[in-house]
N, C-alpha and C. Protein backbone atom coordinates (compact mmCIF):
# COMPACT_ATOMS: atom_id res chain seq x y z
N UNK A 1 -12.02 -1.86 26.55
CA UNK A 1 -11.95 -3.32 26.31
C UNK A 1 -12.35 -4.05 27.58
N UNK A 2 -13.30 -4.95 27.49
CA UNK A 2 -13.73 -5.74 28.63
C UNK A 2 -12.80 -6.95 28.73
N UNK A 3 -11.75 -6.78 29.51
CA UNK A 3 -10.65 -7.74 29.53
C UNK A 3 -11.10 -9.10 30.06
N UNK A 4 -11.91 -9.09 31.09
CA UNK A 4 -12.33 -10.35 31.71
C UNK A 4 -13.11 -11.23 30.73
N UNK A 5 -14.06 -10.65 30.01
CA UNK A 5 -14.86 -11.46 29.09
C UNK A 5 -14.03 -11.93 27.91
N UNK A 6 -13.02 -11.15 27.51
CA UNK A 6 -12.14 -11.58 26.43
C UNK A 6 -11.29 -12.76 26.87
N UNK A 7 -10.79 -12.72 28.09
CA UNK A 7 -10.02 -13.85 28.62
C UNK A 7 -10.88 -15.10 28.69
N UNK A 8 -12.12 -14.95 29.08
CA UNK A 8 -13.03 -16.10 29.12
C UNK A 8 -13.27 -16.65 27.72
N UNK A 9 -13.31 -15.77 26.72
CA UNK A 9 -13.48 -16.23 25.34
C UNK A 9 -12.27 -17.04 24.90
N UNK A 10 -11.07 -16.63 25.32
CA UNK A 10 -9.87 -17.43 25.02
C UNK A 10 -9.96 -18.80 25.68
N UNK A 11 -10.39 -18.84 26.92
CA UNK A 11 -10.51 -20.11 27.62
C UNK A 11 -11.52 -21.02 26.93
N UNK A 12 -12.56 -20.44 26.40
CA UNK A 12 -13.59 -21.23 25.70
C UNK A 12 -13.07 -21.80 24.39
N UNK A 13 -12.25 -21.03 23.67
CA UNK A 13 -11.82 -21.43 22.33
C UNK A 13 -10.48 -22.15 22.29
N UNK A 14 -9.69 -22.06 23.34
CA UNK A 14 -8.36 -22.66 23.32
C UNK A 14 -8.23 -23.68 24.45
N UNK A 15 -8.28 -24.97 24.13
CA UNK A 15 -8.18 -25.99 25.19
C UNK A 15 -6.83 -26.01 25.88
N UNK A 16 -5.81 -25.37 25.28
CA UNK A 16 -4.49 -25.34 25.91
C UNK A 16 -4.39 -24.26 26.99
N UNK A 17 -5.36 -23.37 27.04
CA UNK A 17 -5.33 -22.29 28.03
C UNK A 17 -5.68 -22.84 29.40
N UNK A 18 -4.74 -22.75 30.32
CA UNK A 18 -4.94 -23.35 31.63
C UNK A 18 -5.46 -22.37 32.67
N UNK A 19 -5.20 -21.08 32.49
CA UNK A 19 -5.65 -20.11 33.47
C UNK A 19 -5.75 -18.73 32.84
N UNK A 20 -6.52 -17.87 33.51
CA UNK A 20 -6.63 -16.51 33.04
C UNK A 20 -5.32 -15.76 33.10
N UNK A 21 -4.52 -16.02 34.12
CA UNK A 21 -3.22 -15.35 34.24
C UNK A 21 -2.29 -15.75 33.09
N UNK A 22 -2.32 -17.01 32.71
CA UNK A 22 -1.50 -17.46 31.59
C UNK A 22 -1.89 -16.71 30.32
N UNK A 23 -3.18 -16.57 30.07
CA UNK A 23 -3.65 -15.85 28.89
C UNK A 23 -3.24 -14.38 28.95
N UNK A 24 -3.41 -13.77 30.12
CA UNK A 24 -3.12 -12.34 30.28
C UNK A 24 -1.65 -12.02 30.01
N UNK A 25 -0.76 -12.87 30.49
CA UNK A 25 0.66 -12.55 30.41
C UNK A 25 1.37 -13.16 29.21
N UNK A 26 0.81 -14.23 28.62
CA UNK A 26 1.57 -14.98 27.62
C UNK A 26 0.95 -15.01 26.23
N UNK A 27 -0.28 -14.55 26.06
CA UNK A 27 -0.95 -14.72 24.77
C UNK A 27 -0.79 -13.46 23.91
N UNK A 28 -0.04 -13.60 22.82
CA UNK A 28 0.19 -12.47 21.92
C UNK A 28 -1.09 -11.89 21.34
N UNK A 29 -2.04 -12.76 21.05
CA UNK A 29 -3.28 -12.27 20.47
C UNK A 29 -4.01 -11.31 21.39
N UNK A 30 -4.04 -11.63 22.68
CA UNK A 30 -4.67 -10.74 23.65
C UNK A 30 -3.89 -9.43 23.76
N UNK A 31 -2.55 -9.52 23.78
CA UNK A 31 -1.73 -8.30 23.84
C UNK A 31 -1.99 -7.42 22.62
N UNK A 32 -2.10 -8.05 21.44
CA UNK A 32 -2.36 -7.28 20.22
C UNK A 32 -3.68 -6.52 20.32
N UNK A 33 -4.69 -7.15 20.91
CA UNK A 33 -5.98 -6.48 21.06
C UNK A 33 -5.91 -5.33 22.07
N UNK A 34 -5.12 -5.49 23.11
CA UNK A 34 -4.97 -4.40 24.08
C UNK A 34 -4.32 -3.20 23.40
N UNK A 35 -3.25 -3.46 22.64
CA UNK A 35 -2.61 -2.37 21.90
C UNK A 35 -3.58 -1.74 20.91
N UNK A 36 -4.38 -2.59 20.23
CA UNK A 36 -5.34 -2.06 19.26
C UNK A 36 -6.34 -1.13 19.93
N UNK A 37 -6.87 -1.53 21.08
CA UNK A 37 -7.87 -0.68 21.75
C UNK A 37 -7.27 0.68 22.10
N UNK A 38 -6.02 0.69 22.51
CA UNK A 38 -5.36 1.96 22.84
C UNK A 38 -5.17 2.80 21.58
N UNK A 39 -4.63 2.17 20.53
CA UNK A 39 -4.37 2.91 19.29
C UNK A 39 -5.67 3.40 18.67
N UNK A 40 -6.73 2.59 18.73
CA UNK A 40 -8.02 2.99 18.18
C UNK A 40 -8.58 4.19 18.95
N UNK A 41 -8.39 4.23 20.25
CA UNK A 41 -8.86 5.35 21.06
C UNK A 41 -8.20 6.65 20.60
N UNK A 42 -6.90 6.60 20.38
CA UNK A 42 -6.19 7.78 19.90
C UNK A 42 -6.61 8.15 18.48
N UNK A 43 -6.81 7.13 17.63
CA UNK A 43 -7.20 7.39 16.24
C UNK A 43 -8.55 8.09 16.18
N UNK A 44 -9.48 7.65 16.99
CA UNK A 44 -10.81 8.24 17.00
C UNK A 44 -10.78 9.70 17.46
N UNK A 45 -9.73 10.09 18.17
CA UNK A 45 -9.62 11.46 18.68
C UNK A 45 -8.65 12.30 17.86
N UNK A 46 -8.31 11.82 16.67
CA UNK A 46 -7.52 12.60 15.75
C UNK A 46 -6.01 12.51 15.92
N UNK A 47 -5.54 11.70 16.86
CA UNK A 47 -4.09 11.53 17.06
C UNK A 47 -3.59 10.40 16.16
N UNK A 48 -3.63 10.64 14.86
CA UNK A 48 -3.39 9.57 13.89
C UNK A 48 -1.95 9.06 13.95
N UNK A 49 -0.99 9.97 14.03
CA UNK A 49 0.41 9.53 14.05
C UNK A 49 0.69 8.66 15.28
N UNK A 50 0.23 9.10 16.44
CA UNK A 50 0.45 8.32 17.66
C UNK A 50 -0.24 6.96 17.57
N UNK A 51 -1.46 6.98 17.03
CA UNK A 51 -2.20 5.72 16.87
C UNK A 51 -1.43 4.75 15.97
N UNK A 52 -0.90 5.26 14.87
CA UNK A 52 -0.13 4.41 13.95
C UNK A 52 1.17 3.94 14.59
N UNK A 53 1.78 4.79 15.38
CA UNK A 53 3.02 4.40 16.06
C UNK A 53 2.75 3.24 17.01
N UNK A 54 1.66 3.33 17.76
CA UNK A 54 1.30 2.25 18.69
C UNK A 54 1.02 0.96 17.92
N UNK A 55 0.30 1.07 16.80
CA UNK A 55 -0.02 -0.13 16.03
C UNK A 55 1.23 -0.77 15.45
N UNK A 56 2.19 0.02 15.02
CA UNK A 56 3.43 -0.54 14.48
C UNK A 56 4.31 -1.12 15.57
N UNK A 57 4.31 -0.50 16.74
CA UNK A 57 5.00 -1.09 17.89
C UNK A 57 4.38 -2.44 18.24
N UNK A 58 3.04 -2.49 18.23
CA UNK A 58 2.34 -3.74 18.52
C UNK A 58 2.67 -4.81 17.49
N UNK A 59 2.79 -4.41 16.22
CA UNK A 59 3.15 -5.37 15.17
C UNK A 59 4.50 -6.00 15.45
N UNK A 60 5.50 -5.17 15.83
CA UNK A 60 6.82 -5.72 16.13
C UNK A 60 6.81 -6.56 17.40
N UNK A 61 5.97 -6.19 18.33
CA UNK A 61 5.92 -6.88 19.62
C UNK A 61 5.15 -8.19 19.56
N UNK A 62 4.08 -8.23 18.77
CA UNK A 62 3.19 -9.39 18.80
C UNK A 62 3.13 -10.18 17.50
N UNK A 63 3.57 -9.59 16.38
CA UNK A 63 3.42 -10.25 15.09
C UNK A 63 2.04 -10.07 14.48
N UNK A 64 1.21 -9.24 15.10
CA UNK A 64 -0.15 -8.98 14.61
C UNK A 64 -0.25 -7.51 14.22
N UNK A 65 -0.70 -7.24 12.99
CA UNK A 65 -0.84 -5.86 12.54
C UNK A 65 -2.32 -5.52 12.38
N UNK A 66 -2.79 -4.63 13.22
CA UNK A 66 -4.18 -4.16 13.17
C UNK A 66 -4.16 -2.66 12.97
N UNK A 67 -4.74 -2.21 11.88
CA UNK A 67 -4.80 -0.76 11.65
C UNK A 67 -5.71 -0.14 12.70
N UNK A 68 -5.30 0.98 13.28
CA UNK A 68 -6.11 1.58 14.35
C UNK A 68 -7.47 2.07 13.90
N UNK A 69 -7.68 2.22 12.59
CA UNK A 69 -8.99 2.66 12.10
C UNK A 69 -9.99 1.51 12.01
N UNK A 70 -9.52 0.27 12.09
CA UNK A 70 -10.43 -0.89 12.01
C UNK A 70 -11.44 -0.84 13.16
N UNK A 71 -12.61 -1.44 12.92
CA UNK A 71 -13.65 -1.48 13.94
C UNK A 71 -13.86 -2.94 14.37
N UNK A 72 -13.58 -3.22 15.62
CA UNK A 72 -13.59 -4.59 16.12
C UNK A 72 -14.52 -4.68 17.32
N UNK A 73 -15.39 -5.68 17.30
CA UNK A 73 -16.36 -5.87 18.36
C UNK A 73 -15.77 -6.54 19.59
N UNK A 74 -16.62 -7.14 20.37
CA UNK A 74 -16.22 -7.71 21.66
C UNK A 74 -15.80 -9.17 21.52
N UNK A 75 -14.90 -9.57 22.40
CA UNK A 75 -14.48 -10.97 22.59
C UNK A 75 -13.82 -11.57 21.35
N UNK A 76 -13.08 -10.77 20.60
CA UNK A 76 -12.31 -11.33 19.49
C UNK A 76 -11.16 -12.16 20.05
N UNK A 77 -11.04 -13.39 19.55
CA UNK A 77 -9.95 -14.29 19.94
C UNK A 77 -8.99 -14.43 18.77
N UNK A 78 -7.71 -14.11 19.00
CA UNK A 78 -6.67 -14.28 18.00
C UNK A 78 -5.77 -15.40 18.50
N UNK A 79 -5.88 -16.56 17.87
CA UNK A 79 -5.17 -17.76 18.33
C UNK A 79 -3.85 -17.89 17.57
N UNK A 80 -2.72 -17.97 18.29
CA UNK A 80 -1.39 -18.04 17.66
C UNK A 80 -1.26 -16.91 16.63
N UNK A 81 -1.32 -15.68 17.09
CA UNK A 81 -1.56 -14.54 16.23
C UNK A 81 -0.55 -14.18 15.17
N UNK A 82 0.58 -14.83 15.10
CA UNK A 82 1.63 -14.41 14.18
C UNK A 82 1.13 -14.31 12.74
N UNK A 83 1.46 -13.16 12.10
CA UNK A 83 1.18 -13.00 10.68
C UNK A 83 -0.20 -12.48 10.35
N UNK A 84 -0.99 -12.14 11.33
CA UNK A 84 -2.33 -11.63 11.05
C UNK A 84 -2.25 -10.16 10.62
N UNK A 85 -3.03 -9.81 9.59
CA UNK A 85 -3.12 -8.43 9.11
C UNK A 85 -4.59 -8.06 9.01
N UNK A 86 -4.96 -6.94 9.63
CA UNK A 86 -6.34 -6.45 9.61
C UNK A 86 -6.30 -5.02 9.08
N UNK A 87 -6.92 -4.80 7.92
CA UNK A 87 -6.85 -3.52 7.23
C UNK A 87 -7.69 -2.43 7.85
N UNK A 88 -7.49 -1.20 7.35
CA UNK A 88 -8.05 0.00 7.97
C UNK A 88 -9.57 0.04 7.98
N UNK A 89 -10.22 -0.41 6.92
CA UNK A 89 -11.68 -0.32 6.85
C UNK A 89 -12.35 -1.65 7.19
N UNK A 90 -11.61 -2.54 7.80
CA UNK A 90 -12.18 -3.82 8.25
C UNK A 90 -13.14 -3.58 9.40
N UNK A 91 -14.23 -4.35 9.41
CA UNK A 91 -15.16 -4.34 10.54
C UNK A 91 -15.36 -5.79 10.98
N UNK A 92 -15.26 -6.02 12.28
CA UNK A 92 -15.39 -7.37 12.84
C UNK A 92 -16.42 -7.32 13.94
N UNK A 93 -17.36 -8.24 13.91
CA UNK A 93 -18.41 -8.30 14.93
C UNK A 93 -17.94 -8.94 16.22
N UNK A 94 -18.89 -9.43 17.00
CA UNK A 94 -18.59 -10.03 18.30
C UNK A 94 -18.31 -11.53 18.16
N UNK A 95 -17.50 -12.05 19.09
CA UNK A 95 -17.28 -13.50 19.26
C UNK A 95 -16.65 -14.15 18.04
N UNK A 96 -15.74 -13.46 17.39
CA UNK A 96 -15.06 -14.03 16.22
C UNK A 96 -13.74 -14.68 16.65
N UNK A 97 -13.25 -15.57 15.79
CA UNK A 97 -12.02 -16.31 16.06
C UNK A 97 -11.14 -16.29 14.83
N UNK A 98 -9.91 -15.78 14.96
CA UNK A 98 -8.94 -15.73 13.87
C UNK A 98 -7.73 -16.55 14.24
N UNK A 99 -7.29 -17.39 13.31
CA UNK A 99 -6.06 -18.17 13.52
C UNK A 99 -4.89 -17.48 12.83
N UNK A 100 -3.70 -18.05 13.02
CA UNK A 100 -2.48 -17.40 12.52
C UNK A 100 -2.50 -17.27 11.00
N UNK A 101 -1.84 -16.20 10.52
CA UNK A 101 -1.69 -16.01 9.09
C UNK A 101 -2.89 -15.46 8.37
N UNK A 102 -3.93 -15.07 9.08
CA UNK A 102 -5.14 -14.55 8.43
C UNK A 102 -4.89 -13.13 7.94
N UNK A 103 -5.40 -12.84 6.75
CA UNK A 103 -5.37 -11.48 6.21
C UNK A 103 -6.80 -11.02 5.92
N UNK A 104 -7.17 -9.92 6.52
CA UNK A 104 -8.44 -9.25 6.20
C UNK A 104 -8.05 -7.98 5.47
N UNK A 105 -7.95 -8.08 4.15
CA UNK A 105 -7.34 -7.01 3.36
C UNK A 105 -8.16 -6.59 2.17
N UNK A 106 -7.49 -5.86 1.28
CA UNK A 106 -8.14 -5.37 0.07
C UNK A 106 -7.53 -5.99 -1.17
N UNK A 107 -8.14 -5.70 -2.30
CA UNK A 107 -7.67 -6.23 -3.58
C UNK A 107 -6.81 -5.21 -4.33
N UNK A 108 -6.77 -3.97 -3.85
CA UNK A 108 -6.05 -2.92 -4.54
C UNK A 108 -6.86 -2.24 -5.63
N UNK A 109 -8.11 -2.67 -5.82
CA UNK A 109 -8.96 -2.11 -6.87
C UNK A 109 -10.05 -1.19 -6.34
N UNK A 110 -10.21 -1.16 -5.01
CA UNK A 110 -11.31 -0.41 -4.42
C UNK A 110 -10.79 0.82 -3.71
N UNK A 111 -11.65 1.81 -3.59
CA UNK A 111 -11.36 3.01 -2.80
C UNK A 111 -12.43 3.15 -1.74
N UNK A 112 -12.15 3.97 -0.72
CA UNK A 112 -13.10 4.09 0.37
C UNK A 112 -13.11 2.83 1.21
N UNK A 113 -14.25 2.17 1.27
CA UNK A 113 -14.36 0.89 1.96
C UNK A 113 -13.65 -0.17 1.14
N UNK A 114 -12.51 -0.66 1.63
CA UNK A 114 -11.65 -1.56 0.86
C UNK A 114 -11.53 -2.96 1.44
N UNK A 115 -11.95 -3.10 2.70
CA UNK A 115 -11.70 -4.34 3.42
C UNK A 115 -13.02 -4.99 3.86
N UNK A 116 -12.98 -6.24 4.25
CA UNK A 116 -14.22 -6.97 4.52
C UNK A 116 -14.89 -6.56 5.83
N UNK A 117 -16.16 -6.93 5.91
CA UNK A 117 -16.95 -6.79 7.13
C UNK A 117 -17.34 -8.18 7.60
N UNK A 118 -16.89 -8.55 8.78
CA UNK A 118 -17.22 -9.85 9.35
C UNK A 118 -18.35 -9.68 10.35
N UNK A 119 -19.34 -10.55 10.26
CA UNK A 119 -20.43 -10.54 11.22
C UNK A 119 -20.03 -11.12 12.56
N UNK A 120 -20.98 -11.68 13.27
CA UNK A 120 -20.74 -12.25 14.59
C UNK A 120 -20.46 -13.75 14.52
N UNK A 121 -19.66 -14.24 15.46
CA UNK A 121 -19.40 -15.67 15.61
C UNK A 121 -18.84 -16.30 14.34
N UNK A 122 -17.81 -15.69 13.80
CA UNK A 122 -17.17 -16.17 12.57
C UNK A 122 -15.81 -16.75 12.89
N UNK A 123 -15.48 -17.87 12.27
CA UNK A 123 -14.16 -18.47 12.41
C UNK A 123 -13.43 -18.37 11.08
N UNK A 124 -12.18 -17.87 11.11
CA UNK A 124 -11.34 -17.78 9.92
C UNK A 124 -10.09 -18.61 10.19
N UNK A 125 -9.88 -19.66 9.39
CA UNK A 125 -8.81 -20.61 9.62
C UNK A 125 -7.43 -20.10 9.25
N UNK A 126 -6.43 -20.86 9.62
CA UNK A 126 -5.02 -20.47 9.44
C UNK A 126 -4.72 -20.18 7.98
N UNK A 127 -4.07 -19.05 7.73
CA UNK A 127 -3.62 -18.71 6.40
C UNK A 127 -4.69 -18.23 5.45
N UNK A 128 -5.92 -18.12 5.89
CA UNK A 128 -7.00 -17.69 5.00
C UNK A 128 -6.86 -16.20 4.67
N UNK A 129 -7.29 -15.85 3.46
CA UNK A 129 -7.26 -14.46 3.00
C UNK A 129 -8.69 -14.06 2.63
N UNK A 130 -9.17 -13.01 3.25
CA UNK A 130 -10.50 -12.47 2.95
C UNK A 130 -10.25 -11.07 2.40
N UNK A 131 -10.47 -10.90 1.09
CA UNK A 131 -10.00 -9.71 0.39
C UNK A 131 -11.14 -9.00 -0.33
N UNK A 132 -11.42 -7.77 0.07
CA UNK A 132 -12.42 -6.99 -0.63
C UNK A 132 -13.48 -6.43 0.31
N UNK A 133 -14.26 -5.45 -0.18
CA UNK A 133 -15.25 -4.75 0.65
C UNK A 133 -16.61 -5.43 0.66
N UNK A 134 -16.66 -6.66 1.09
CA UNK A 134 -17.92 -7.40 1.12
C UNK A 134 -18.17 -7.91 2.53
N UNK A 135 -19.32 -8.52 2.74
CA UNK A 135 -19.69 -8.99 4.07
C UNK A 135 -19.60 -10.50 4.17
N UNK A 136 -19.13 -10.96 5.31
CA UNK A 136 -19.16 -12.37 5.67
C UNK A 136 -20.22 -12.51 6.75
N UNK A 137 -21.26 -13.28 6.47
CA UNK A 137 -22.42 -13.36 7.35
C UNK A 137 -22.15 -14.05 8.67
N UNK A 138 -23.05 -13.85 9.61
CA UNK A 138 -22.92 -14.44 10.94
C UNK A 138 -22.76 -15.95 10.88
N UNK A 139 -21.94 -16.48 11.78
CA UNK A 139 -21.73 -17.93 11.96
C UNK A 139 -21.05 -18.61 10.79
N UNK A 140 -20.45 -17.82 9.88
CA UNK A 140 -19.74 -18.43 8.75
C UNK A 140 -18.44 -19.05 9.22
N UNK A 141 -17.95 -20.03 8.45
CA UNK A 141 -16.69 -20.70 8.72
C UNK A 141 -15.85 -20.66 7.45
N UNK A 142 -14.64 -20.14 7.57
CA UNK A 142 -13.71 -20.06 6.44
C UNK A 142 -12.54 -20.99 6.72
N UNK A 143 -12.33 -21.96 5.86
CA UNK A 143 -11.33 -22.99 6.10
C UNK A 143 -9.92 -22.44 5.93
N UNK A 144 -8.95 -23.18 6.47
CA UNK A 144 -7.55 -22.79 6.38
C UNK A 144 -7.13 -22.64 4.92
N UNK A 145 -6.36 -21.56 4.66
CA UNK A 145 -5.77 -21.27 3.34
C UNK A 145 -6.79 -20.94 2.26
N UNK A 146 -8.04 -20.75 2.61
CA UNK A 146 -9.02 -20.32 1.62
C UNK A 146 -8.74 -18.87 1.22
N UNK A 147 -9.10 -18.54 -0.02
CA UNK A 147 -9.00 -17.16 -0.50
C UNK A 147 -10.41 -16.72 -0.88
N UNK A 148 -10.98 -15.85 -0.06
CA UNK A 148 -12.38 -15.44 -0.23
C UNK A 148 -12.42 -14.07 -0.89
N UNK A 149 -13.12 -14.00 -2.02
CA UNK A 149 -13.13 -12.77 -2.83
C UNK A 149 -14.54 -12.24 -3.05
N UNK A 150 -15.54 -12.89 -2.47
CA UNK A 150 -16.91 -12.42 -2.65
C UNK A 150 -17.72 -12.70 -1.39
N UNK A 151 -18.89 -12.11 -1.34
CA UNK A 151 -19.72 -12.18 -0.14
C UNK A 151 -20.04 -13.62 0.26
N UNK A 152 -20.09 -13.84 1.57
CA UNK A 152 -20.40 -15.16 2.13
C UNK A 152 -21.69 -15.04 2.94
N UNK A 153 -22.73 -15.79 2.60
CA UNK A 153 -23.97 -15.73 3.38
C UNK A 153 -23.75 -16.27 4.79
N UNK A 154 -24.68 -15.97 5.67
CA UNK A 154 -24.62 -16.46 7.04
C UNK A 154 -24.69 -17.99 7.08
N UNK A 155 -24.03 -18.56 8.08
CA UNK A 155 -24.09 -20.00 8.37
C UNK A 155 -23.50 -20.88 7.28
N UNK A 156 -22.58 -20.34 6.48
CA UNK A 156 -21.98 -21.11 5.40
C UNK A 156 -20.53 -21.45 5.71
N UNK A 157 -20.04 -22.49 5.04
CA UNK A 157 -18.64 -22.89 5.12
C UNK A 157 -17.98 -22.68 3.77
N UNK A 158 -16.82 -22.02 3.76
CA UNK A 158 -16.12 -21.70 2.53
C UNK A 158 -14.74 -22.35 2.55
N UNK A 159 -14.37 -23.00 1.45
CA UNK A 159 -13.04 -23.61 1.33
C UNK A 159 -12.48 -23.33 -0.06
N UNK A 160 -11.16 -23.50 -0.20
CA UNK A 160 -10.54 -23.50 -1.52
C UNK A 160 -10.04 -22.17 -2.00
N UNK A 161 -9.42 -22.22 -3.21
CA UNK A 161 -8.85 -21.05 -3.88
C UNK A 161 -9.35 -21.05 -5.32
N UNK A 162 -10.19 -20.11 -5.74
CA UNK A 162 -10.86 -19.15 -4.86
C UNK A 162 -11.89 -19.83 -3.98
N UNK A 163 -12.32 -19.14 -2.94
CA UNK A 163 -13.23 -19.75 -1.98
C UNK A 163 -14.56 -20.16 -2.59
N UNK A 164 -15.00 -21.35 -2.22
CA UNK A 164 -16.30 -21.86 -2.67
C UNK A 164 -17.12 -22.28 -1.47
N UNK A 165 -18.40 -22.02 -1.54
CA UNK A 165 -19.30 -22.43 -0.46
C UNK A 165 -19.58 -23.92 -0.62
N UNK A 166 -19.27 -24.69 0.41
CA UNK A 166 -19.47 -26.13 0.33
C UNK A 166 -20.51 -26.62 1.33
N UNK A 167 -20.99 -25.73 2.16
CA UNK A 167 -21.97 -26.16 3.15
C UNK A 167 -22.84 -24.98 3.52
N UNK A 168 -24.16 -25.16 3.39
CA UNK A 168 -25.12 -24.16 3.80
C UNK A 168 -25.79 -24.61 5.10
N UNK A 169 -25.92 -23.68 6.03
CA UNK A 169 -26.61 -23.98 7.29
C UNK A 169 -26.05 -25.25 7.92
N UNK A 170 -24.76 -25.49 7.72
CA UNK A 170 -24.16 -26.75 8.16
C UNK A 170 -23.64 -26.68 9.58
N UNK A 171 -23.16 -27.84 10.02
CA UNK A 171 -22.58 -27.91 11.35
C UNK A 171 -21.21 -27.23 11.33
N UNK A 172 -20.67 -27.00 12.50
CA UNK A 172 -19.42 -26.27 12.63
C UNK A 172 -18.27 -26.99 11.93
N UNK A 173 -17.46 -26.23 11.21
CA UNK A 173 -16.30 -26.77 10.51
C UNK A 173 -15.31 -27.31 11.53
N UNK A 174 -14.84 -28.56 11.31
CA UNK A 174 -13.93 -29.17 12.29
C UNK A 174 -12.47 -29.09 11.91
N UNK A 175 -12.14 -28.46 10.75
CA UNK A 175 -10.78 -28.23 10.30
C UNK A 175 -10.05 -29.52 9.89
N UNK A 176 -10.66 -30.68 10.09
CA UNK A 176 -10.02 -31.95 9.71
C UNK A 176 -10.73 -32.55 8.51
N UNK A 177 -12.03 -32.71 8.62
CA UNK A 177 -12.81 -33.30 7.53
C UNK A 177 -13.41 -32.19 6.67
N UNK A 178 -12.55 -31.31 6.21
CA UNK A 178 -13.01 -30.19 5.39
C UNK A 178 -13.29 -30.64 3.97
N UNK A 179 -14.45 -30.37 3.44
CA UNK A 179 -14.74 -30.75 2.05
C UNK A 179 -13.79 -30.06 1.08
N UNK A 180 -13.46 -30.76 0.00
CA UNK A 180 -12.61 -30.20 -1.05
C UNK A 180 -13.38 -30.26 -2.35
N UNK A 181 -13.96 -29.13 -2.81
CA UNK A 181 -14.81 -29.17 -4.01
C UNK A 181 -14.08 -29.62 -5.25
N UNK A 182 -12.81 -29.27 -5.42
CA UNK A 182 -12.05 -29.69 -6.59
C UNK A 182 -11.83 -31.20 -6.58
N UNK A 183 -11.49 -31.75 -5.42
CA UNK A 183 -11.30 -33.19 -5.33
C UNK A 183 -12.61 -33.93 -5.55
N UNK A 184 -13.70 -33.37 -5.05
CA UNK A 184 -15.01 -33.99 -5.29
C UNK A 184 -15.31 -34.04 -6.79
N UNK A 185 -14.98 -32.96 -7.51
CA UNK A 185 -15.20 -32.94 -8.95
C UNK A 185 -14.32 -33.96 -9.66
N UNK A 186 -13.05 -34.04 -9.26
CA UNK A 186 -12.13 -35.01 -9.86
C UNK A 186 -12.61 -36.43 -9.62
N UNK A 187 -13.04 -36.71 -8.38
CA UNK A 187 -13.54 -38.05 -8.06
C UNK A 187 -14.77 -38.39 -8.88
N UNK A 188 -15.64 -37.41 -9.09
CA UNK A 188 -16.84 -37.65 -9.89
C UNK A 188 -16.46 -37.94 -11.35
N UNK A 189 -15.48 -37.23 -11.89
CA UNK A 189 -15.02 -37.47 -13.26
C UNK A 189 -14.38 -38.84 -13.39
N UNK A 190 -13.59 -39.23 -12.40
CA UNK A 190 -12.96 -40.56 -12.43
C UNK A 190 -14.02 -41.66 -12.42
N UNK A 191 -15.04 -41.46 -11.57
CA UNK A 191 -16.11 -42.45 -11.52
C UNK A 191 -16.85 -42.54 -12.85
N UNK A 192 -17.07 -41.40 -13.49
CA UNK A 192 -17.76 -41.38 -14.79
C UNK A 192 -16.92 -42.07 -15.87
N UNK A 193 -15.61 -41.82 -15.86
CA UNK A 193 -14.71 -42.46 -16.83
C UNK A 193 -14.72 -43.97 -16.66
N UNK A 194 -14.67 -44.45 -15.42
CA UNK A 194 -14.70 -45.89 -15.17
C UNK A 194 -16.01 -46.50 -15.67
N UNK A 195 -17.11 -45.78 -15.45
CA UNK A 195 -18.40 -46.28 -15.92
C UNK A 195 -18.43 -46.38 -17.44
N UNK A 196 -17.91 -45.36 -18.14
CA UNK A 196 -17.88 -45.38 -19.60
C UNK A 196 -16.96 -46.49 -20.12
N UNK A 197 -15.84 -46.71 -19.46
CA UNK A 197 -14.92 -47.77 -19.87
C UNK A 197 -15.60 -49.13 -19.75
N UNK A 198 -16.34 -49.35 -18.67
CA UNK A 198 -17.05 -50.62 -18.50
C UNK A 198 -18.10 -50.81 -19.59
N UNK A 199 -18.83 -49.73 -19.91
CA UNK A 199 -19.83 -49.82 -20.98
C UNK A 199 -19.18 -50.14 -22.32
N UNK A 200 -18.01 -49.55 -22.58
CA UNK A 200 -17.30 -49.80 -23.82
C UNK A 200 -16.80 -51.24 -23.89
N UNK A 201 -16.32 -51.76 -22.77
CA UNK A 201 -15.86 -53.15 -22.73
C UNK A 201 -17.01 -54.11 -23.02
N UNK A 202 -18.18 -53.83 -22.45
CA UNK A 202 -19.34 -54.69 -22.69
C UNK A 202 -19.73 -54.67 -24.16
N UNK A 203 -19.74 -53.51 -24.79
CA UNK A 203 -20.10 -53.41 -26.20
C UNK A 203 -19.08 -54.14 -27.07
N UNK A 204 -17.80 -53.99 -26.75
CA UNK A 204 -16.77 -54.69 -27.52
C UNK A 204 -16.91 -56.20 -27.39
N UNK A 205 -17.22 -56.65 -26.17
CA UNK A 205 -17.39 -58.09 -25.94
C UNK A 205 -18.60 -58.61 -26.71
N UNK A 206 -19.69 -57.86 -26.71
CA UNK A 206 -20.88 -58.27 -27.45
C UNK A 206 -20.59 -58.32 -28.95
N UNK A 207 -19.81 -57.36 -29.44
CA UNK A 207 -19.48 -57.35 -30.87
C UNK A 207 -18.66 -58.56 -31.26
N UNK A 208 -17.75 -59.01 -30.41
CA UNK A 208 -16.94 -60.19 -30.69
C UNK A 208 -17.79 -61.45 -30.69
N UNK A 209 -18.80 -61.51 -29.82
CA UNK A 209 -19.63 -62.70 -29.70
C UNK A 209 -20.67 -62.84 -30.80
N UNK A 210 -20.95 -61.77 -31.58
CA UNK A 210 -21.95 -61.86 -32.64
C UNK A 210 -21.48 -62.80 -33.75
N UNK A 211 -22.34 -63.72 -34.27
CA UNK A 211 -21.93 -64.60 -35.36
C UNK A 211 -21.75 -63.83 -36.67
N UNK A 212 -20.85 -64.32 -37.47
CA UNK A 212 -20.60 -63.70 -38.77
C UNK A 212 -21.81 -63.93 -39.66
N UNK A 213 -22.45 -62.85 -40.08
CA UNK A 213 -23.66 -62.99 -40.88
C UNK A 213 -23.40 -63.60 -42.25
N UNK A 214 -22.17 -63.62 -42.74
CA UNK A 214 -21.83 -64.16 -44.06
C UNK A 214 -21.67 -65.67 -44.03
N UNK A 215 -21.53 -66.24 -42.81
CA UNK A 215 -21.37 -67.70 -42.74
C UNK A 215 -22.68 -68.40 -43.10
N UNK A 216 -22.54 -69.54 -43.70
CA UNK A 216 -23.72 -70.35 -44.07
C UNK A 216 -24.33 -69.81 -45.33
């Protein structure tokens, strides 16, 4: 594990990080990755029980559970790591960012490769669940509490339950002005209903104003 570059990645992604020493000694996410690198080393050399013991110790110590068989690239930042779960066949590229409560897991229906593959420079928001053996493309953004069950192309933004792509090749997700596809649909239906009501009122008014053809 290249500790120095990982600390710099934390400083880049977390404005609250004041120094490298603070990150090294106080950040659970960094500690979880250190434990993971050790457990993964043992797992790759056939010491499966020891690797699992280290990963479970790390879970109790940091609140982050990473299976030692997972494959994780460089400079992964785990921000406020409590509640994160990373499954055994998960693959994560370089320069990714995970917030608290993220699950990279399976659906229980697959065998072999059961967990997602994340490309490079991916952000997964708080509480999001990415479930299944599919790929999330480079530079994708997954909003908080989204549930992603199918492949995500590169440079896309996904929100909602189930996850829907709301932005292609878009700018970086800011976590505040996140599009809500269901609300957009509801707003469009409300606007259509108002338009139809106005048209109905006009027709009713015109019908009242028509002279009685039987008069005269």
